[in-house]
Every structure is written in structure tokens, then in C-alpha cells.
Protein backbone atom coordinates (compact mmCIF):
# COMPACT_ATOMS: atom_id res chain seq x y z
CA MET A 1 88.05 128.71 19.90
CA GLU A 2 84.34 127.54 19.09
CA PHE A 3 82.82 124.27 20.25
CA GLY A 4 80.85 122.42 18.13
CA GLU A 5 77.91 120.52 18.17
CA CYS A 6 75.49 118.80 15.80
CA SER A 7 73.87 121.33 13.58
CA SER A 8 70.75 120.50 15.33
CA GLY A 9 71.48 121.29 18.83
CA SER A 10 74.05 123.83 18.12
CA ASN A 11 73.90 126.97 20.12
CA SER A 12 76.72 128.80 18.71
CA SER A 13 75.98 132.58 17.83
CA SER A 14 78.67 132.67 15.06
CA SER A 15 77.30 134.47 12.05
CA ASN A 16 80.49 132.77 9.88
CA GLU A 17 78.85 130.28 7.46
CA ALA A 18 80.24 126.80 7.85
CA TRP A 19 83.17 125.99 5.94
CA ALA A 20 83.27 122.08 6.59
CA LYS A 21 81.25 119.44 8.51
CA LEU A 22 81.57 116.05 9.49
CA VAL A 23 79.05 113.60 8.07
CA PRO A 24 77.96 110.49 9.93
CA SER A 25 77.67 107.33 8.23
CA ASP A 26 74.22 106.88 10.53
CA SER A 27 71.74 108.99 9.13
CA ARG A 28 69.91 109.12 12.40
CA TYR A 29 72.68 111.50 13.39
CA SER A 30 73.06 114.83 12.35
CA ASP A 31 76.10 116.62 10.58
CA VAL A 32 78.61 118.48 12.76
CA GLU A 33 78.90 121.96 11.18
CA ILE A 34 82.62 123.86 11.46
CA ARG A 35 81.98 127.17 11.17
CA SER A 36 85.42 128.69 12.83
CA ASN A 37 88.72 128.07 11.88
CA GLU A 38 89.37 126.15 14.90
CA MET A 39 86.94 124.43 16.77
CA VAL A 40 86.66 121.50 19.43
CA ILE A 41 83.90 118.76 18.11
CA CYS A 42 81.60 117.60 20.45
CA SER A 43 79.43 115.12 19.19
CA GLU A 44 78.44 111.20 19.34
CA ILE A 45 81.16 108.64 19.17
CA THR A 46 78.97 105.20 19.53
CA SER A 47 76.22 104.02 17.83
CA THR A 48 74.44 102.99 20.75
CA SER A 49 74.52 106.17 22.61
CA LEU A 50 73.13 109.56 22.14
CA GLU A 51 75.58 111.12 24.70
CA LYS A 52 78.02 113.44 23.16
CA HIS A 53 81.45 113.64 24.07
CA GLU A 54 84.46 116.50 23.14
CA TRP A 55 86.74 114.01 21.10
CA CYS A 56 88.80 116.09 18.48
CA LYS A 57 89.94 119.68 17.53
CA ILE A 58 89.70 120.81 13.81
CA THR A 59 91.76 123.60 12.81
CA ARG A 60 91.44 124.72 9.10
CA ASN A 61 94.56 124.78 6.91
CA SER A 62 95.92 128.23 5.37
CA ASP A 63 95.48 126.20 1.91
CA GLN A 64 91.45 126.23 2.66
CA SER A 65 91.75 122.82 1.15
CA SER A 66 92.63 120.60 4.16
CA ALA A 67 92.52 120.81 8.00
CA MET A 68 94.39 119.83 10.80
CA MET A 69 92.79 117.43 13.42
CA GLN A 70 94.15 116.83 16.95
CA ASN A 71 92.98 113.83 19.14
CA LYS A 72 91.28 115.44 22.37
CA SER A 73 90.12 111.85 23.76
CA LEU A 74 91.37 109.65 25.89
CA ASN A 75 90.77 107.04 22.99
CA THR A 76 92.86 106.22 19.91
CA ILE A 77 91.08 107.51 16.87
CA LEU A 78 91.33 106.38 13.41
CA VAL A 79 91.83 108.41 10.49
CA ASP A 80 91.65 106.66 6.90
CA GLU A 81 92.58 103.68 8.69
CA ALA A 82 95.46 105.19 10.83
CA THR A 83 95.85 105.73 14.15
CA VAL A 84 95.95 108.58 15.75
CA GLN A 85 97.11 108.65 19.64
CA ASN A 86 96.06 111.41 22.12
CA GLU A 87 97.00 114.94 21.43
CA ASP A 88 98.65 113.50 18.22
CA ASP A 89 97.80 115.79 15.04
CA VAL A 90 96.93 114.65 11.52
CA VAL A 91 96.05 116.38 8.47
CA ILE A 92 92.45 115.72 6.92
CA ASN A 93 91.32 116.16 3.49
CA CYS A 94 87.78 116.15 2.03
CA GLY A 95 86.47 112.72 2.06
CA SER A 96 88.68 111.46 5.24
CA GLU A 97 87.12 109.05 6.92
CA ILE A 98 87.30 109.56 10.80
CA ILE A 99 85.97 107.21 13.65
CA PRO A 100 86.21 108.43 17.05
CA GLY A 101 87.61 105.33 18.86
CA PRO A 102 90.19 102.60 18.38
CA ALA A 103 88.01 100.37 16.18
CA ARG A 104 85.10 100.55 13.75
CA GLU A 105 82.78 97.93 15.66
CA GLY A 106 80.72 100.23 18.24
CA TYR A 107 81.62 103.72 17.08
CA LEU A 108 80.43 105.83 14.65
CA SER A 109 82.03 106.75 11.26
CA TYR A 110 82.37 110.32 10.24
CA ARG A 111 83.38 111.79 6.71
CA PHE A 112 84.99 114.92 6.57
CA LYS A 113 83.44 117.42 3.97
CA LEU A 114 84.63 120.57 2.41
CA MET A 115 81.67 123.08 1.87
CA PRO A 116 81.61 124.06 -1.80
CA ARG A 117 82.35 127.93 -1.80
CA GLU A 118 81.86 130.50 -4.58
CA SER A 119 84.94 131.64 -6.16
CA PHE A 120 85.87 134.83 -7.66
CA THR A 121 88.33 135.75 -10.29
CA ARG A 122 89.46 139.25 -10.54
CA TRP A 123 91.97 140.25 -13.01
CA LEU A 124 94.08 143.59 -11.87
CA LYS A 125 96.52 145.23 -14.19
CA VAL A 126 99.72 146.29 -12.52
CA SER A 127 102.44 148.38 -13.98
CA ILE A 128 105.91 147.73 -12.50
CA ASP A 129 109.49 148.65 -13.35
CA ALA A 130 111.48 145.94 -14.21
CA GLU A 131 114.48 147.67 -12.17
CA HIS A 132 112.27 146.69 -9.11
CA ALA A 133 111.92 143.23 -10.18
CA LYS A 134 115.97 143.05 -9.95
CA CYS A 135 118.23 141.18 -7.42
CA SER A 136 120.48 143.68 -5.88
CA ILE A 137 123.47 140.81 -6.12
CA CYS A 138 123.65 139.92 -9.80
CA LEU A 139 121.40 142.64 -10.87
CA ASN A 140 119.18 140.77 -13.35
CA VAL A 141 115.72 139.77 -12.80
CA TRP A 142 114.87 137.59 -9.97
CA HIS A 143 115.58 133.71 -10.46
CA ASP A 144 113.20 131.47 -8.15
CA VAL A 145 112.84 134.53 -5.64
CA VAL A 146 113.47 134.48 -1.86
CA THR A 147 112.35 137.30 0.41
CA VAL A 148 114.44 137.97 3.64
CA ALA A 149 113.00 139.31 7.00
CA PRO A 150 112.76 141.76 8.61
CA CYS A 151 113.99 144.26 5.93
CA LEU A 152 111.86 142.31 3.17
CA HIS A 153 114.31 142.52 0.24
CA ASN A 154 114.48 139.96 -2.78
CA PHE A 155 117.07 138.14 -4.15
CA CYS A 156 117.75 135.20 -6.61
CA ASN A 157 117.33 131.83 -4.53
CA GLY A 158 120.98 130.90 -5.89
CA CYS A 159 122.37 134.27 -4.98
CA PHE A 160 121.12 134.82 -1.61
CA SER A 161 122.03 130.80 -0.78
CA GLU A 162 125.62 131.27 -1.81
CA TRP A 163 125.88 134.67 0.45
CA LEU A 164 124.32 132.98 3.36
CA ARG A 165 126.76 129.99 3.11
CA ARG A 166 129.96 132.49 2.74
CA SER A 167 128.58 134.71 5.80
CA GLN A 168 127.93 131.66 7.91
CA GLU A 169 131.62 130.75 7.44
CA ARG A 170 132.85 134.17 8.41
CA HIS A 171 130.54 135.93 10.40
CA ALA A 172 128.26 135.46 13.44
CA SER A 173 125.47 137.01 11.85
CA VAL A 174 123.84 137.15 8.39
CA LEU A 175 123.57 140.54 7.11
CA CYS A 176 121.04 141.46 3.86
CA PRO A 177 123.35 142.27 1.04
CA GLN A 178 121.18 145.22 0.24
CA CYS A 179 120.67 147.19 3.28
CA ARG A 180 123.12 145.14 6.10
CA ALA A 181 120.24 144.71 8.51
CA VAL A 182 120.63 141.13 10.03
CA VAL A 183 118.72 138.74 8.67
CA GLN A 184 116.66 136.47 10.93
CA PHE A 185 114.64 134.77 8.29
CA VAL A 186 114.26 133.84 4.59
CA GLY A 187 111.51 131.89 2.46
CA ARG A 188 110.54 131.64 -1.25
CA ASN A 189 108.04 134.33 -2.17
CA HIS A 190 105.68 132.47 -4.67
CA PHE A 191 103.64 135.67 -5.04
CA LEU A 192 106.85 137.56 -6.53
CA HIS A 193 107.69 134.27 -8.30
CA SER A 194 104.47 135.04 -10.70
CA ILE A 195 105.51 138.59 -11.20
CA GLU A 196 109.31 137.28 -12.26
CA GLU A 197 107.47 135.29 -14.66
CA ASP A 198 105.47 138.21 -16.31
CA VAL A 199 108.19 140.49 -16.35
CA LEU A 200 110.32 137.86 -18.36
CA GLN A 201 107.75 137.26 -20.63
CA ALA A 202 106.83 140.95 -21.10
CA ASP A 203 110.79 141.58 -22.20
CA SER A 204 112.45 138.48 -22.93
CA SER A 205 115.73 140.47 -23.53
CA LEU A 206 115.99 140.22 -19.52
CA LYS A 207 116.00 136.63 -19.43
CA GLN A 208 119.42 135.08 -18.20
CA SER A 209 120.99 132.60 -20.27
CA ASP A 210 120.63 128.96 -19.79
CA GLU A 211 124.07 128.32 -18.34
CA GLU A 212 123.44 131.04 -15.82
CA ILE A 213 120.37 129.67 -14.84
CA ILE A 214 122.03 125.97 -14.22
CA LEU A 215 124.42 127.64 -12.16
CA LEU A 216 121.92 129.57 -10.08
CA ASP A 217 119.86 126.50 -9.47
CA SER A 218 123.12 124.57 -8.51
CA TYR A 219 123.59 127.21 -5.52
CA ALA A 220 120.10 127.23 -4.78
CA SER A 221 119.74 125.75 -1.11
CA ILE A 222 116.43 127.20 0.27
CA LYS A 223 113.65 125.04 -0.18
CA SER A 224 111.47 126.09 2.58
CA ASN A 225 111.32 128.97 5.24
CA LEU A 226 114.43 129.13 7.32
CA ILE A 227 115.00 130.63 10.64
CA ILE A 228 118.70 132.07 10.84
CA GLN A 229 120.09 132.39 14.29
CA THR A 230 122.52 135.05 15.25
CA GLY A 231 125.48 134.49 17.04
CA LYS A 232 125.04 137.62 19.46
CA LYS A 233 124.84 136.65 23.09
CA HIS A 234 122.63 138.60 25.93
CA ARG A 235 124.70 139.86 28.74
CA ARG A 236 123.12 138.78 32.23
CA LYS A 237 123.14 141.17 35.09
CA ARG A 238 122.42 138.30 37.73
CA PRO A 239 123.17 134.68 37.47
CA HIS A 240 121.04 132.06 36.32
CA SER A 241 118.16 130.56 38.63
CA ILE A 242 116.58 127.16 37.87
CA LEU A 243 113.30 129.14 36.87
CA ASP A 244 115.32 131.18 34.30
CA ALA A 245 116.57 127.89 32.74
CA GLU A 246 112.97 126.26 32.53
CA ASN A 247 112.04 129.60 30.62
CA GLU A 248 114.64 129.65 28.34
CA VAL A 249 114.38 125.84 27.35
CA ALA A 250 110.62 126.90 26.11
CA ASP A 251 112.41 129.76 23.87
CA PHE A 252 114.36 127.48 22.12
CA PRO A 253 113.46 126.91 18.74
CA CYS A 254 113.86 123.22 18.81
CA PRO A 255 114.74 120.50 21.33
CA GLN A 256 118.53 120.36 20.08
CA CYS A 257 118.83 123.92 20.75
CA GLY A 258 118.46 123.14 24.26
CA THR A 259 119.80 119.10 24.49
CA GLU A 260 122.12 117.48 22.53
CA TYR A 261 120.34 114.27 21.30
CA SER A 262 122.04 111.69 18.97
CA GLY A 263 125.36 113.61 19.38
CA PHE A 264 124.36 116.89 17.73
CA HIS A 265 123.68 120.09 19.51
CA CYS A 266 122.54 123.35 17.43
CA ASN A 267 124.98 126.28 17.96
CA GLN A 268 124.15 130.05 17.05
CA ASN A 269 124.94 129.06 13.27
CA THR A 270 122.44 126.23 12.94
CA ILE A 271 119.69 126.97 10.10
CA HIS A 272 116.05 125.91 11.21
CA LEU A 273 113.19 124.71 9.56
CA GLN A 274 109.59 125.12 10.43
CA CYS A 275 107.74 122.20 10.07
CA GLN A 276 104.58 121.79 7.66
CA ALA A 277 102.36 119.90 9.94
CA CYS A 278 102.80 120.92 13.31
CA GLY A 279 104.60 124.26 13.13
CA GLY A 280 107.33 122.94 15.19
CA MET A 281 111.44 123.86 14.22
CA MET A 282 114.36 121.46 13.85
CA PRO A 283 117.79 121.92 12.33
CA SER A 284 118.54 121.89 8.74
CA ARG A 285 120.77 119.07 8.42
CA ALA A 286 121.22 117.40 4.61
CA ASP A 287 124.32 115.53 5.66
CA ILE A 288 122.71 112.77 7.79
CA GLY A 289 120.51 110.82 5.36
CA VAL A 290 116.99 111.48 6.98
CA PRO A 291 114.65 113.54 4.81
CA GLN A 292 113.17 116.61 6.16
CA HIS A 293 111.37 117.75 3.12
CA CYS A 294 108.20 115.95 1.20
CA LEU A 295 110.17 115.14 -2.38
CA GLY A 296 106.62 115.51 -3.86
CA CYS A 297 106.33 119.11 -2.85
CA ASP A 298 109.32 120.13 -1.11
CA ARG A 299 107.18 121.27 2.06
CA VAL A 300 108.93 120.55 5.37
CA PHE A 301 108.19 117.86 7.61
CA CYS A 302 109.71 116.77 10.99
CA GLY A 303 108.33 113.58 12.22
CA ALA A 304 110.92 111.37 10.23
CA TYR A 305 114.08 113.60 11.73
CA TRP A 306 112.91 113.53 15.45
CA HIS A 307 112.21 109.76 15.03
CA ALA A 308 115.70 109.17 13.65
CA GLN A 309 117.03 111.56 16.68
CA GLY A 310 114.97 109.40 19.24
CA VAL A 311 113.20 112.41 20.34
CA SER A 312 109.26 112.36 21.32
CA ARG A 313 106.75 115.11 21.77
CA SER A 314 106.76 117.21 24.96
CA ASP A 315 104.98 120.34 26.35
CA THR A 316 107.58 122.60 25.32
CA HIS A 317 108.08 121.42 21.45
CA SER A 318 106.02 120.48 18.94
CA ILE A 319 106.79 117.32 16.68
CA CYS A 320 104.22 115.96 14.35
CA SER A 321 103.07 112.41 13.93
CA HIS A 322 104.79 109.85 11.85
CA GLU A 323 101.49 109.46 10.03
CA ASN A 324 101.85 112.72 8.24
CA PHE A 325 105.30 111.71 6.21
CA LYS A 326 106.56 108.39 5.77
CA PRO A 327 108.05 106.14 3.02
CA ILE A 328 105.57 105.48 0.09
CA SER A 329 105.85 101.89 0.98
CA GLU A 330 104.56 102.32 4.28
CA HIS A 331 101.29 104.37 3.18
CA ALA A 332 97.94 102.46 3.37
CA VAL A 333 94.96 103.63 1.41
CA SER A 334 91.17 102.72 2.13
CA ARG A 335 88.98 105.32 -0.38
CA ILE A 336 89.79 106.47 -3.81
CA PRO A 337 90.77 110.00 -3.19
CA PHE A 338 88.70 113.04 -3.79
CA LEU A 339 91.28 114.22 -6.29
CA ALA A 340 91.19 111.17 -8.23
CA HIS A 341 90.02 111.46 -12.13
CA GLU A 342 90.17 115.21 -11.89
CA LYS A 343 87.43 115.15 -9.02
CA ASN A 344 84.74 113.70 -11.18
CA ARG A 345 82.69 111.47 -8.99
CA HIS A 346 81.25 109.31 -11.87
CA GLU A 347 84.50 108.30 -12.97
CA GLN A 348 85.70 107.56 -9.19
CA ASP A 349 82.82 105.27 -8.88
CA ILE A 350 83.49 103.17 -12.06
CA THR A 351 86.62 102.72 -10.92
CA GLU A 352 85.71 101.23 -7.38
CA ARG A 353 83.37 99.40 -9.36
CA CYS A 354 86.01 97.71 -11.53
CA ILE A 355 88.34 96.93 -8.58
CA GLY A 356 85.47 95.42 -6.69
CA GLN A 357 84.41 92.91 -9.70
CA MET A 358 88.20 92.03 -10.12
CA GLY A 359 88.01 90.77 -6.35
CA LYS A 360 90.64 93.17 -5.08
CA THR A 361 91.05 95.70 -2.79
CA LEU A 362 91.94 99.40 -3.47
CA GLN A 363 95.29 98.92 -1.81
CA ASP A 364 95.85 95.56 -3.88
CA VAL A 365 95.45 97.52 -6.85
CA ILE A 366 97.49 100.55 -5.82
CA SER A 367 100.53 98.01 -4.06
CA ASP A 368 100.72 96.81 -7.63
CA TRP A 369 100.74 99.93 -9.52
CA ILE A 370 103.42 101.14 -7.29
CA GLY A 371 105.30 98.43 -8.21
CA LYS A 372 105.23 99.32 -11.70
CA LEU A 373 106.12 102.74 -11.08
CA ASN A 374 108.92 101.45 -8.96
CA ASN A 375 110.22 99.51 -12.04
CA ARG A 376 109.87 102.59 -14.37
CA GLU A 377 107.00 100.78 -16.40
CA ILE A 378 105.05 103.88 -16.21
CA ASP A 379 105.19 107.28 -17.98
CA ARG A 380 105.71 109.76 -15.51
CA THR A 381 105.19 113.13 -17.64
CA ARG A 382 101.88 113.81 -15.86
CA MET A 383 102.92 112.85 -12.44
CA PRO A 384 101.35 115.61 -10.42
CA LEU A 385 104.69 115.57 -8.03
CA ASN A 386 107.99 117.58 -7.98
CA HIS A 387 111.09 115.65 -8.73
CA ALA A 388 108.96 113.11 -10.15
CA GLU A 389 111.87 110.91 -12.21
CA MET A 390 113.53 110.67 -8.38
CA ILE A 391 110.32 109.25 -6.42
CA THR A 392 110.58 105.12 -5.62
CA VAL A 393 108.72 103.22 -2.90
CA GLY A 394 111.15 104.28 -0.61
CA THR A 395 110.54 108.17 -1.22
CA HIS A 396 109.10 109.89 1.98
CA VAL A 397 106.03 112.00 1.05
CA CYS A 398 103.23 113.47 2.98
CA ASN A 399 99.72 112.39 2.84
CA ASP A 400 98.63 115.11 0.32
CA CYS A 401 101.24 113.96 -2.21
CA TYR A 402 100.39 110.43 -1.36
CA ASP A 403 96.76 111.08 -2.55
CA LYS A 404 98.06 113.02 -5.66
CA LEU A 405 100.40 109.62 -6.37
CA ILE A 406 97.31 107.48 -6.11
CA SER A 407 94.87 109.73 -8.16
CA PHE A 408 97.90 109.58 -10.91
CA LEU A 409 98.48 105.40 -10.46
CA LEU A 410 94.29 105.15 -10.81
CA TYR A 411 94.20 107.09 -14.02
CA TRP A 412 96.87 104.37 -15.60
CA PHE A 413 95.11 101.74 -13.92
CA ARG A 414 91.73 102.73 -16.02
CA ILE A 415 93.31 103.60 -19.33
CA SER A 416 94.93 100.22 -19.45
CA MET A 417 92.00 98.18 -18.72
CA PRO A 418 90.20 96.76 -21.75
CA ARG A 419 86.74 98.18 -22.32
CA ASN A 420 85.04 94.78 -22.12
CA LEU A 421 86.09 94.73 -18.05
CA LEU A 422 84.40 98.08 -17.70
CA PRO A 423 80.72 98.03 -16.63
CA PRO A 424 78.26 97.76 -19.13
CA GLU A 425 77.20 101.61 -19.04
CA ALA A 426 80.63 102.84 -18.68
CA ALA A 427 82.36 100.76 -21.68
CA ASN A 428 79.47 101.94 -24.34
CA ARG A 429 80.55 105.86 -23.63
CA GLU A 430 82.28 107.84 -26.01
CA ASP A 431 85.64 109.44 -25.06
CA CYS A 432 85.39 113.03 -24.48
CA TRP A 433 87.67 115.20 -26.92
CA TYR A 434 89.22 116.96 -23.97
CA GLY A 435 89.75 113.81 -21.99
CA TYR A 436 91.11 114.17 -18.43
CA ALA A 437 91.69 118.12 -19.24
CA CYS A 438 87.99 118.79 -19.64
CA ARG A 439 86.73 121.66 -17.90
CA THR A 440 82.71 121.14 -18.70
CA GLN A 441 82.85 117.75 -16.46
CA HIS A 442 83.49 120.09 -13.30
CA HIS A 443 80.09 121.99 -13.79
CA ASN A 444 77.96 119.75 -15.82
CA GLU A 445 77.18 116.55 -14.15
CA ASP A 446 75.37 115.18 -17.55
CA HIS A 447 78.70 115.48 -19.40
CA ALA A 448 80.58 114.29 -16.82
CA ARG A 449 78.48 110.97 -16.77
CA LYS A 450 77.83 110.25 -20.59
CA ARG A 451 81.36 110.83 -21.63
CA ASN A 452 84.36 108.93 -20.62
CA HIS A 453 87.23 111.70 -19.21
CA VAL A 454 89.73 109.03 -18.25
CA CYS A 455 91.44 109.32 -21.32
CA ARG A 456 93.85 111.40 -23.45
CA PRO A 457 92.73 114.60 -24.95
CA THR A 458 92.29 114.77 -28.81
CA ARG A 459 91.53 118.50 -28.69
CA GLY A 460 92.85 121.71 -27.20
CA ASN A 461 96.29 122.50 -25.48
CA HIS A 462 96.55 119.02 -23.93
CA ALA A 463 96.34 117.14 -26.95
């Protein structure tokens, strides 16, 4: 782990380029460059002192488009107006506002910025025998492929889900249908899913019927990575000691493996889910009415479950903050998301000015449009979330999906606004033929500014 200071005084010998930085709102202070994948931030925190303090740790996420921030100070930290307590974690995105203290007054404000990086696209032609892309249970090309470990064999989600259900009803361990090795883990394989699609596109005769696909989808229960416990018990040559018990508690996948909470205790057949935010484990329980998956992206988050069970964070078990995963109605927004208007900063600025001219806040506008969404007054075709038709104000979503939802609602806010209410220079612009789907707006600043891109395409594949 590295310790980061302001770029002007950094003595880090790392040769890695900065992948992100914290930009202070006060230009008298230097940017804090983040060069390693995990860095403790040491910088100024108040506007009246140049003294530097360690106040948070920022860890780069695997998607490389966000990061995890942990509060390392004794004070509460504000992230996009939400409070983060000592040792709590929260996901931060490009544009997130971070205040290293419990209030705005007297403290510096930082913006988390991701550094632009060159992207290289390489096409690799791969020849694959369709026989190697088939499920050994149904003998068809994979559908929604999942991979089991440690043997790494692949199956249809529906096929293996049904195998898993029957195995747990009858046996202490789940064996791989192909090699009979004990299965300890199963998860969806997004890389092989793309190969599955390519194989079917190359040979349509391998496609299963619509009825077969519907049946497989009805069986599919694996939405995220699952840890599968076995019924094997280890024999002991000596009696338990207090030290043994303490060591074994630390080895339990989740708090309910070691202790009963709310009348539930994990057993040898309990399937566990791994939280996307904190990496902690919890039992998979679809029967209690507490959401464990974000409906917008199907990723796992543990905060709502452990809150319902009355379990708090400890030194032995990770539990993520309630702020990472909560109902849409409980989220708050103080800034236009980086994703809004296809990341076109000119359109974002126009939207912000329109809201200001109306005498409203961004939260006021979003609350109005969430109400319209809940009343089904909005076409959800372009909503960039999974299960779009099922989403209501009470739906639990993660912060990433909430940003996507806000971006979607701001599109509807803009296209429903009469031109005479737009700023004069924006109202006089012509619509881009390709509308929101225009690719030129991402690399041509002049085009992004001179044409309106918050409109439906009239040319191209999206028209």
C-alpha cells in the first residue's frame, strides 16, 4: 500500500502513472494524485491550515471506472452529501464530491476525477469447435453460461441450477455433473457468454427453441457468485480450546455461520453470496423479503440484509454501509452524474442551468420525475437497468444504478422541456441527426457544443 500526498510534495518513487486524482475546490491547494491501486490519502483537510492528515483510503475497483473509499479519520466524512462513518466504505465515481469532515463549513471540498486513459481495441480471430461450447447436462450450446470451481467446467445456468437444487436435497456435497469433483463455487461467466452468442450467430441451427429457453430461464437461480459449502466435517484429535473457537469464528464465511441471528443459523448446505461492495459473505435467502441483489445490475450487496438481521460490522466480518444499497426513495442527489447525456459536459451544463432558472434544485426535479416513473408515465425502453419494468420507488438499487437512473430521468426532463425555456444559445442549436447515439460528440468538442444531442436519432441504427 502507498501513502499519497499532494502532487507538489509527493515523495513516492512509484513509476506508475496516476489513474485518478482528488481535485480541491480551492485552487490554492494542489491536486492529490493517486498512483497505486490502494492508497491512503494524506492531504490538507481544512481551509484554514496547511497541515496534512491521513483521512481516507482509496482502492481502485476492478471495473476501473470507480473506486472504494474507506474513512480512516476519526471524523465523519461527507461523500455526495451522504455521511460515511469511521472505517465505513463507500463507492465513489468520477465526479463524486468528498468533504473530509462532518460539514462543509471550514473543510475543503474535493472532486474525485478519473484520469483519461488510452483505449486500444484489438480484434482476435478465434476458431472454436461448437462441441466445446456445449453443456454436458442438456448437450446443447450453453445458455446463460455458468462456470463451477475448482474444476472450471461450464453449464447452462438453468441446467446447473436444477442440478444444484436436487443435489442439496439429497446429498451432503454438490458434485460436478461432468467430472464428479466437489463443487465449491459457481458463478456466471460473462466472457464465455459472448462466445456462446458468437457460436449461435455463426450457426443458427444450434439455437434452442423459444420454449426450451423459457424453461431454462425459469430454472436459473444463479444471479451472482455463490460459495457452496459441503457437509464434510473434520475429525479432531484433541478437544476444542477457547483459542480454537476464536480462530474458527474468523474462518466462518459470514456472521450467521458462527452465531444465530433473527432465528437463522447457516448449515452445511447453505449457499453464500459475496457482497460486491465490501467482499463479505451472507447466506442466500430468497424467502425473507429482504433484497440481496440490486435489481438494476443483479450484483450482490449485503447492507440491507444485515441491517434487517440486526448485525453490525465487526473486526472478523465485513458488512457494507447502508449508503451503498438502499431504496430509490432514500437516495439523494446533489450533482448531475458523470454519465448523464452520454457524458456530454455541454448538455450537462445546459440541464444544470435550466434547473437553476426554474428556481428548483436537482433533487426537486429528480423527485418529480421519479414520481412520474413510479406512475408509469415514462417509456422505459431506454432505461439502462436490468428488469426495468419491475423498478419502483421502493426498489433497492446500488449507487451506480441510481446514477444511471438519474441520467435516464434527466434525458426525459430535457426532451419534455419547451425550447423557449432553454438558454438562448442552446435553444437556437439544430438537432444532431444521430441524437443521443452520436459518437462524434465524444471526441469533437465543437460538434458536442454546437448541436443538440438530447434528442432522438433520425439516422443510424438507433433511428
